[in-house]
Amino acid sequence: MTQDNLPTVIAQNEIELAPGLIVTVMVLDNGQRVLPAADVRRACEWLGVTLPDDGERADAGV
């Protein structure tokens, strides 16, 4: 995929998943919706889910 073919953000908004837990959702021109990694990490921490550190694979040690 070349730089010219990369999807671009066409819309962006915030969603409040719970009181005090707001995440940003971006819509790409190919229809996908994406969330910033920091927002996903914060939402998972709020749920009590521990994610691997950046650069670590989730299946490491399995």
PDB file of N, CA and C in Angstrom:
ATOM      1  N   MET A   1       0.851  -1.172   0.000  1.00  0.00           N
ATOM      2  CA  MET A   1       0.000   0.000   0.000  1.00  0.00           C
ATOM      3  C   MET A   1       0.899   1.237   0.000  1.00  0.00           C
ATOM      4  N   THR A   2       0.664   2.108  -0.944  1.00  0.00           N
ATOM      5  CA  THR A   2       1.474   3.320  -1.016  1.00  0.00           C
ATOM      6  C   THR A   2       0.846   4.414  -0.152  1.00  0.00           C
ATOM      7  N   GLN A   3       1.607   5.454   0.063  1.00  0.00           N
ATOM      8  CA  GLN A   3       1.140   6.580   0.870  1.00  0.00           C
ATOM      9  C   GLN A   3      -0.163   7.148   0.309  1.00  0.00           C
ATOM     10  N   ASP A   4      -0.316   7.152  -1.024  1.00  0.00           N
ATOM     11  CA  ASP A   4      -1.513   7.702  -1.656  1.00  0.00           C
ATOM     12  C   ASP A   4      -2.750   6.850  -1.386  1.00  0.00           C
ATOM     13  N   ASN A   5      -2.552   5.555  -1.094  1.00  0.00           N
ATOM     14  CA  ASN A   5      -3.678   4.639  -0.892  1.00  0.00           C
ATOM     15  C   ASN A   5      -4.097   4.511   0.566  1.00  0.00           C
ATOM     16  N   LEU A   6      -3.396   5.164   1.475  1.00  0.00           N
ATOM     17  CA  LEU A   6      -3.738   5.035   2.887  1.00  0.00           C
ATOM     18  C   LEU A   6      -5.078   5.703   3.177  1.00  0.00           C
ATOM     19  N   PRO A   7      -5.901   5.070   4.024  1.00  0.00           N
ATOM     20  CA  PRO A   7      -7.177   5.705   4.376  1.00  0.00           C
ATOM     21  C   PRO A   7      -6.951   6.989   5.169  1.00  0.00           C
ATOM     22  N   THR A   8      -7.880   7.902   5.042  1.00  0.00           N
ATOM     23  CA  THR A   8      -7.784   9.163   5.767  1.00  0.00           C
ATOM     24  C   THR A   8      -9.017   9.334   6.652  1.00  0.00           C
ATOM     25  N   VAL A   9      -8.867  10.112   7.700  1.00  0.00           N
ATOM     26  CA  VAL A   9      -9.965  10.388   8.625  1.00  0.00           C
ATOM     27  C   VAL A   9     -10.916  11.382   7.967  1.00  0.00           C
ATOM     28  N   ILE A  10     -12.209  11.008   7.939  1.00  0.00           N
ATOM     29  CA  ILE A  10     -13.206  11.915   7.363  1.00  0.00           C
ATOM     30  C   ILE A  10     -14.150  12.481   8.427  1.00  0.00           C
ATOM     31  N   ALA A  11     -14.153  11.857   9.607  1.00  0.00           N
ATOM     32  CA  ALA A  11     -14.986  12.351  10.703  1.00  0.00           C
ATOM     33  C   ALA A  11     -14.385  11.902  12.021  1.00  0.00           C
ATOM     34  N   GLN A  12     -14.625  12.672  13.042  1.00  0.00           N
ATOM     35  CA  GLN A  12     -14.093  12.353  14.373  1.00  0.00           C
ATOM     36  C   GLN A  12     -15.069  12.885  15.415  1.00  0.00           C
ATOM     37  N   ASN A  13     -15.313  12.068  16.437  1.00  0.00           N
ATOM     38  CA  ASN A  13     -16.197  12.494  17.507  1.00  0.00           C
ATOM     39  C   ASN A  13     -15.818  11.767  18.778  1.00  0.00           C
ATOM     40  N   GLU A  14     -16.350  12.211  19.886  1.00  0.00           N
ATOM     41  CA  GLU A  14     -16.099  11.573  21.178  1.00  0.00           C
ATOM     42  C   GLU A  14     -17.364  10.883  21.652  1.00  0.00           C
ATOM     43  N   ILE A  15     -17.179   9.731  22.304  1.00  0.00           N
ATOM     44  CA  ILE A  15     -18.290   8.971  22.881  1.00  0.00           C
ATOM     45  C   ILE A  15     -18.004   8.784  24.358  1.00  0.00           C
ATOM     46  N   GLU A  16     -19.008   9.041  25.183  1.00  0.00           N
ATOM     47  CA  GLU A  16     -18.874   8.794  26.613  1.00  0.00           C
ATOM     48  C   GLU A  16     -19.393   7.378  26.883  1.00  0.00           C
ATOM     49  N   LEU A  17     -18.469   6.451  27.150  1.00  0.00           N
ATOM     50  CA  LEU A  17     -18.827   5.054  27.404  1.00  0.00           C
ATOM     51  C   LEU A  17     -19.371   4.865  28.812  1.00  0.00           C
ATOM     52  N   ALA A  18     -18.897   5.658  29.728  1.00  0.00           N
ATOM     53  CA  ALA A  18     -19.324   5.631  31.125  1.00  0.00           C
ATOM     54  C   ALA A  18     -19.005   7.011  31.694  1.00  0.00           C
ATOM     55  N   PRO A  19     -19.585   7.356  32.831  1.00  0.00           N
ATOM     56  CA  PRO A  19     -19.260   8.666  33.410  1.00  0.00           C
ATOM     57  C   PRO A  19     -17.750   8.835  33.590  1.00  0.00           C
ATOM     58  N   GLY A  20     -17.210   9.826  32.940  1.00  0.00           N
ATOM     59  CA  GLY A  20     -15.777  10.096  33.038  1.00  0.00           C
ATOM     60  C   GLY A  20     -14.907   9.291  32.090  1.00  0.00           C
ATOM     61  N   LEU A  21     -15.511   8.413  31.288  1.00  0.00           N
ATOM     62  CA  LEU A  21     -14.735   7.595  30.337  1.00  0.00           C
ATOM     63  C   LEU A  21     -15.154   7.969  28.923  1.00  0.00           C
ATOM     64  N   ILE A  22     -14.386   8.859  28.328  1.00  0.00           N
ATOM     65  CA  ILE A  22     -14.672   9.365  26.987  1.00  0.00           C
ATOM     66  C   ILE A  22     -13.584   8.869  26.041  1.00  0.00           C
ATOM     67  N   VAL A  23     -14.007   8.321  24.895  1.00  0.00           N
ATOM     68  CA  VAL A  23     -13.050   7.875  23.884  1.00  0.00           C
ATOM     69  C   VAL A  23     -13.353   8.590  22.576  1.00  0.00           C
ATOM     70  N   THR A  24     -12.319   8.749  21.776  1.00  0.00           N
ATOM     71  CA  THR A  24     -12.450   9.358  20.458  1.00  0.00           C
ATOM     72  C   THR A  24     -12.636   8.250  19.427  1.00  0.00           C
ATOM     73  N   VAL A  25     -13.587   8.451  18.523  1.00  0.00           N
ATOM     74  CA  VAL A  25     -13.818   7.511  17.425  1.00  0.00           C
ATOM     75  C   VAL A  25     -13.585   8.278  16.134  1.00  0.00           C
ATOM     76  N   MET A  26     -12.761   7.697  15.257  1.00  0.00           N
ATOM     77  CA  MET A  26     -12.499   8.312  13.966  1.00  0.00           C
ATOM     78  C   MET A  26     -13.041   7.403  12.867  1.00  0.00           C
ATOM     79  N   VAL A  27     -13.687   8.002  11.881  1.00  0.00           N
ATOM     80  CA  VAL A  27     -14.208   7.264  10.733  1.00  0.00           C
ATOM     81  C   VAL A  27     -13.265   7.521   9.565  1.00  0.00           C
ATOM     82  N   LEU A  28     -12.814   6.428   8.947  1.00  0.00           N
ATOM     83  CA  LEU A  28     -11.924   6.536   7.802  1.00  0.00           C
ATOM     84  C   LEU A  28     -12.726   6.532   6.503  1.00  0.00           C
ATOM     85  N   ASP A  29     -12.110   7.013   5.428  1.00  0.00           N
ATOM     86  CA  ASP A  29     -12.820   7.092   4.153  1.00  0.00           C
ATOM     87  C   ASP A  29     -13.150   5.723   3.566  1.00  0.00           C
ATOM     88  N   ASN A  30     -12.603   4.650   4.137  1.00  0.00           N
ATOM     89  CA  ASN A  30     -12.939   3.306   3.670  1.00  0.00           C
ATOM     90  C   ASN A  30     -14.046   2.680   4.531  1.00  0.00           C
ATOM     91  N   GLY A  31     -14.615   3.457   5.453  1.00  0.00           N
ATOM     92  CA  GLY A  31     -15.713   2.990   6.284  1.00  0.00           C
ATOM     93  C   GLY A  31     -15.305   2.429   7.637  1.00  0.00           C
ATOM     94  N   GLN A  32     -14.022   2.170   7.835  1.00  0.00           N
ATOM     95  CA  GLN A  32     -13.572   1.643   9.121  1.00  0.00           C
ATOM     96  C   GLN A  32     -13.686   2.713  10.199  1.00  0.00           C
ATOM     97  N   ARG A  33     -13.899   2.241  11.419  1.00  0.00           N
ATOM     98  CA  ARG A  33     -13.872   3.121  12.584  1.00  0.00           C
ATOM     99  C   ARG A  33     -12.697   2.706  13.445  1.00  0.00           C
ATOM    100  N   VAL A  34     -11.925   3.667  13.886  1.00  0.00           N
ATOM    101  CA  VAL A  34     -10.733   3.370  14.672  1.00  0.00           C
ATOM    102  C   VAL A  34     -10.710   4.224  15.930  1.00  0.00           C
ATOM    103  N   LEU A  35     -10.038   3.685  16.951  1.00  0.00           N
ATOM    104  CA  LEU A  35      -9.870   4.377  18.228  1.00  0.00           C
ATOM    105  C   LEU A  35      -8.387   4.558  18.492  1.00  0.00           C
ATOM    106  N   PRO A  36      -7.986   5.679  19.057  1.00  0.00           N
ATOM    107  CA  PRO A  36      -6.586   5.855  19.425  1.00  0.00           C
ATOM    108  C   PRO A  36      -6.183   4.808  20.482  1.00  0.00           C
ATOM    109  N   ALA A  37      -4.973   4.312  20.391  1.00  0.00           N
ATOM    110  CA  ALA A  37      -4.483   3.280  21.318  1.00  0.00           C
ATOM    111  C   ALA A  37      -4.588   3.737  22.768  1.00  0.00           C
ATOM    112  N   ALA A  38      -4.301   4.998  23.038  1.00  0.00           N
ATOM    113  CA  ALA A  38      -4.361   5.505  24.418  1.00  0.00           C
ATOM    114  C   ALA A  38      -5.789   5.441  24.960  1.00  0.00           C
ATOM    115  N   ASP A  39      -6.783   5.697  24.107  1.00  0.00           N
ATOM    116  CA  ASP A  39      -8.175   5.619  24.542  1.00  0.00           C
ATOM    117  C   ASP A  39      -8.577   4.174  24.822  1.00  0.00           C
ATOM    118  N   VAL A  40      -8.123   3.248  23.988  1.00  0.00           N
ATOM    119  CA  VAL A  40      -8.426   1.827  24.201  1.00  0.00           C
ATOM    120  C   VAL A  40      -7.784   1.352  25.494  1.00  0.00           C
ATOM    121  N   ARG A  41      -6.554   1.743  25.708  1.00  0.00           N
ATOM    122  CA  ARG A  41      -5.845   1.341  26.935  1.00  0.00           C
ATOM    123  C   ARG A  41      -6.576   1.881  28.177  1.00  0.00           C
ATOM    124  N   ARG A  42      -6.994   3.141  28.124  1.00  0.00           N
ATOM    125  CA  ARG A  42      -7.700   3.748  29.251  1.00  0.00           C
ATOM    126  C   ARG A  42      -9.042   3.043  29.501  1.00  0.00           C
ATOM    127  N   ALA A  43      -9.764   2.699  28.432  1.00  0.00           N
ATOM    128  CA  ALA A  43     -11.037   1.996  28.572  1.00  0.00           C
ATOM    129  C   ALA A  43     -10.820   0.597  29.154  1.00  0.00           C
ATOM    130  N   CYS A  44      -9.790  -0.098  28.711  1.00  0.00           N
ATOM    131  CA  CYS A  44      -9.499  -1.432  29.245  1.00  0.00           C
ATOM    132  C   CYS A  44      -9.107  -1.356  30.714  1.00  0.00           C
ATOM    133  N   GLU A  45      -8.316  -0.368  31.079  1.00  0.00           N
ATOM    134  CA  GLU A  45      -7.947  -0.195  32.487  1.00  0.00           C
ATOM    135  C   GLU A  45      -9.189   0.074  33.331  1.00  0.00           C
ATOM    136  N   TRP A  46     -10.113   0.868  32.812  1.00  0.00           N
ATOM    137  CA  TRP A  46     -11.355   1.151  33.521  1.00  0.00           C
ATOM    138  C   TRP A  46     -12.146  -0.140  33.748  1.00  0.00           C
ATOM    139  N   LEU A  47     -12.092  -1.053  32.756  1.00  0.00           N
ATOM    140  CA  LEU A  47     -12.785  -2.337  32.859  1.00  0.00           C
ATOM    141  C   LEU A  47     -12.025  -3.354  33.710  1.00  0.00           C
ATOM    142  N   GLY A  48     -10.772  -3.038  34.043  1.00  0.00           N
ATOM    143  CA  GLY A  48      -9.967  -3.960  34.831  1.00  0.00           C
ATOM    144  C   GLY A  48      -9.195  -4.959  33.988  1.00  0.00           C
ATOM    145  N   VAL A  49      -9.066  -4.686  32.692  1.00  0.00           N
ATOM    146  CA  VAL A  49      -8.332  -5.558  31.785  1.00  0.00           C
ATOM    147  C   VAL A  49      -6.913  -5.026  31.645  1.00  0.00           C
ATOM    148  N   THR A  50      -5.941  -5.910  31.812  1.00  0.00           N
ATOM    149  CA  THR A  50      -4.550  -5.510  31.669  1.00  0.00           C
ATOM    150  C   THR A  50      -4.082  -5.841  30.255  1.00  0.00           C
ATOM    151  N   LEU A  51      -3.618  -4.830  29.547  1.00  0.00           N
ATOM    152  CA  LEU A  51      -3.083  -5.026  28.205  1.00  0.00           C
ATOM    153  C   LEU A  51      -1.571  -5.137  28.286  1.00  0.00           C
ATOM    154  N   PRO A  52      -0.972  -5.851  27.313  1.00  0.00           N
ATOM    155  CA  PRO A  52       0.490  -5.900  27.299  1.00  0.00           C
ATOM    156  C   PRO A  52       1.059  -4.517  27.001  1.00  0.00           C
ATOM    157  N   ASP A  53       2.292  -4.288  27.433  1.00  0.00           N
ATOM    158  CA  ASP A  53       2.953  -3.014  27.130  1.00  0.00           C
ATOM    159  C   ASP A  53       3.147  -2.879  25.641  1.00  0.00           C
ATOM    160  N   ASP A  54       3.300  -1.637  25.175  1.00  0.00           N
ATOM    161  CA  ASP A  54       3.557  -1.400  23.760  1.00  0.00           C
ATOM    162  C   ASP A  54       4.766  -2.219  23.322  1.00  0.00           C
ATOM    163  N   GLY A  55       4.649  -2.847  22.181  1.00  0.00           N
ATOM    164  CA  GLY A  55       5.758  -3.640  21.653  1.00  0.00           C
ATOM    165  C   GLY A  55       5.692  -5.098  22.094  1.00  0.00           C
ATOM    166  N   GLU A  56       4.908  -5.415  23.116  1.00  0.00           N
ATOM    167  CA  GLU A  56       4.747  -6.797  23.568  1.00  0.00           C
ATOM    168  C   GLU A  56       3.594  -7.426  22.826  1.00  0.00           C
ATOM    169  N   ARG A  57       3.731  -8.681  22.492  1.00  0.00           N
ATOM    170  CA  ARG A  57       2.639  -9.401  21.850  1.00  0.00           C
ATOM    171  C   ARG A  57       1.696  -9.950  22.915  1.00  0.00           C
ATOM    172  N   ALA A  58       0.421  -9.906  22.618  1.00  0.00           N
ATOM    173  CA  ALA A  58      -0.574 -10.400  23.570  1.00  0.00           C
ATOM    174  C   ALA A  58      -0.440 -11.894  23.801  1.00  0.00           C
ATOM    175  N   ASP A  59       0.070 -12.640  22.810  1.00  0.00           N
ATOM    176  CA  ASP A  59       0.174 -14.083  22.950  1.00  0.00           C
ATOM    177  C   ASP A  59       1.573 -14.538  23.387  1.00  0.00           C
ATOM    178  N   ALA A  60       2.424 -13.600  23.798  1.00  0.00           N
ATOM    179  CA  ALA A  60       3.771 -13.954  24.236  1.00  0.00           C
ATOM    180  C   ALA A  60       3.684 -14.859  25.462  1.00  0.00           C
ATOM    181  N   GLY A  61       4.427 -15.898  25.460  1.00  0.00           N
ATOM    182  CA  GLY A  61       4.463 -16.813  26.591  1.00  0.00           C
ATOM    183  C   GLY A  61       3.380 -17.880  26.539  1.00  0.00           C
ATOM    184  N   VAL A  62       2.620 -17.907  25.467  1.00  0.00           N
ATOM    185  CA  VAL A  62       1.560 -18.920  25.347  1.00  0.00           C
ATOM    186  C   VAL A  62       2.112 -20.146  24.673  1.00  0.00           C
TER     187      VAL A  62
END
